[in-house]
Amino acid sequence: MLQSVKNNTVSILPGLFRERMDVNRSYLMELDSTCLLQNFYLEAGFILPGL
C-alpha cells in the first residue's frame, strides 16, 4: 500500500535521475520567464510588447 511522505524527507541520490534533474533545471533557469508565461498573459488578455 502506498503511503504519503513529506517533501523534505525525500532526496534524489547521485545517479542518472539526479543528473537529468540537474540538466533540466539548468535549462529551465536559462529561459526567459516572460516567454514561459506568454500563454498565461494571452489568456488573461495582456498583450506584451515585443512578443
Protein backbone atom coordinates (compact mmCIF):
# COMPACT_ATOMS: atom_id res chain seq x y z
CA MET A 1 0.00 0.00 0.00
CA LEU A 2 1.22 3.50 -0.79
CA GLN A 3 1.98 5.91 2.00
CA SER A 4 2.35 9.67 1.70
CA VAL A 5 5.64 11.25 2.70
CA LYS A 6 6.65 14.85 3.33
CA ASN A 7 8.66 16.54 0.58
CA ASN A 8 11.56 17.42 2.85
CA THR A 9 12.12 13.75 3.72
CA VAL A 10 12.79 12.68 0.11
CA SER A 11 16.06 13.22 -1.73
CA ILE A 12 17.36 12.10 -5.11
CA LEU A 13 20.69 10.35 -4.74
CA PRO A 14 23.57 10.81 -7.20
CA GLY A 15 22.98 8.88 -10.39
CA LEU A 16 21.17 9.08 -13.69
CA PHE A 17 17.95 10.61 -12.33
CA ARG A 18 19.86 13.28 -10.39
CA GLU A 19 21.93 14.19 -13.46
CA ARG A 20 18.83 14.50 -15.64
CA MET A 21 17.11 16.61 -12.99
CA ASP A 22 20.09 18.97 -12.81
CA VAL A 23 20.28 19.28 -16.62
CA ASN A 24 16.56 20.06 -16.84
CA ARG A 25 16.75 22.60 -14.01
CA SER A 26 19.71 24.36 -15.65
CA TYR A 27 17.89 24.52 -18.98
CA LEU A 28 14.71 25.93 -17.44
CA MET A 29 16.65 28.54 -15.47
CA GLU A 30 18.23 29.80 -18.74
CA LEU A 31 14.84 30.51 -20.29
CA ASP A 32 13.23 33.94 -20.13
CA SER A 33 10.32 33.93 -17.69
CA THR A 34 8.26 36.26 -19.89
CA CYS A 35 8.44 33.77 -22.75
CA LEU A 36 7.48 30.91 -20.45
CA LEU A 37 4.42 32.85 -19.26
CA GLN A 38 3.35 34.09 -22.70
CA ASN A 39 0.27 31.85 -22.97
CA PHE A 40 -0.88 32.82 -19.49
CA TYR A 41 -0.57 36.50 -20.41
CA LEU A 42 -2.58 35.93 -23.59
CA GLU A 43 -5.34 34.08 -21.73
CA ALA A 44 -5.51 36.92 -19.19
CA GLY A 45 -5.87 39.45 -22.00
CA PHE A 46 -2.44 41.08 -21.63
CA ILE A 47 -0.55 41.97 -24.76
CA LEU A 48 3.15 42.34 -24.10
CA PRO A 49 5.23 44.49 -26.41
CA GLY A 50 7.96 42.66 -28.30
CA LEU A 51 6.32 39.21 -28.15
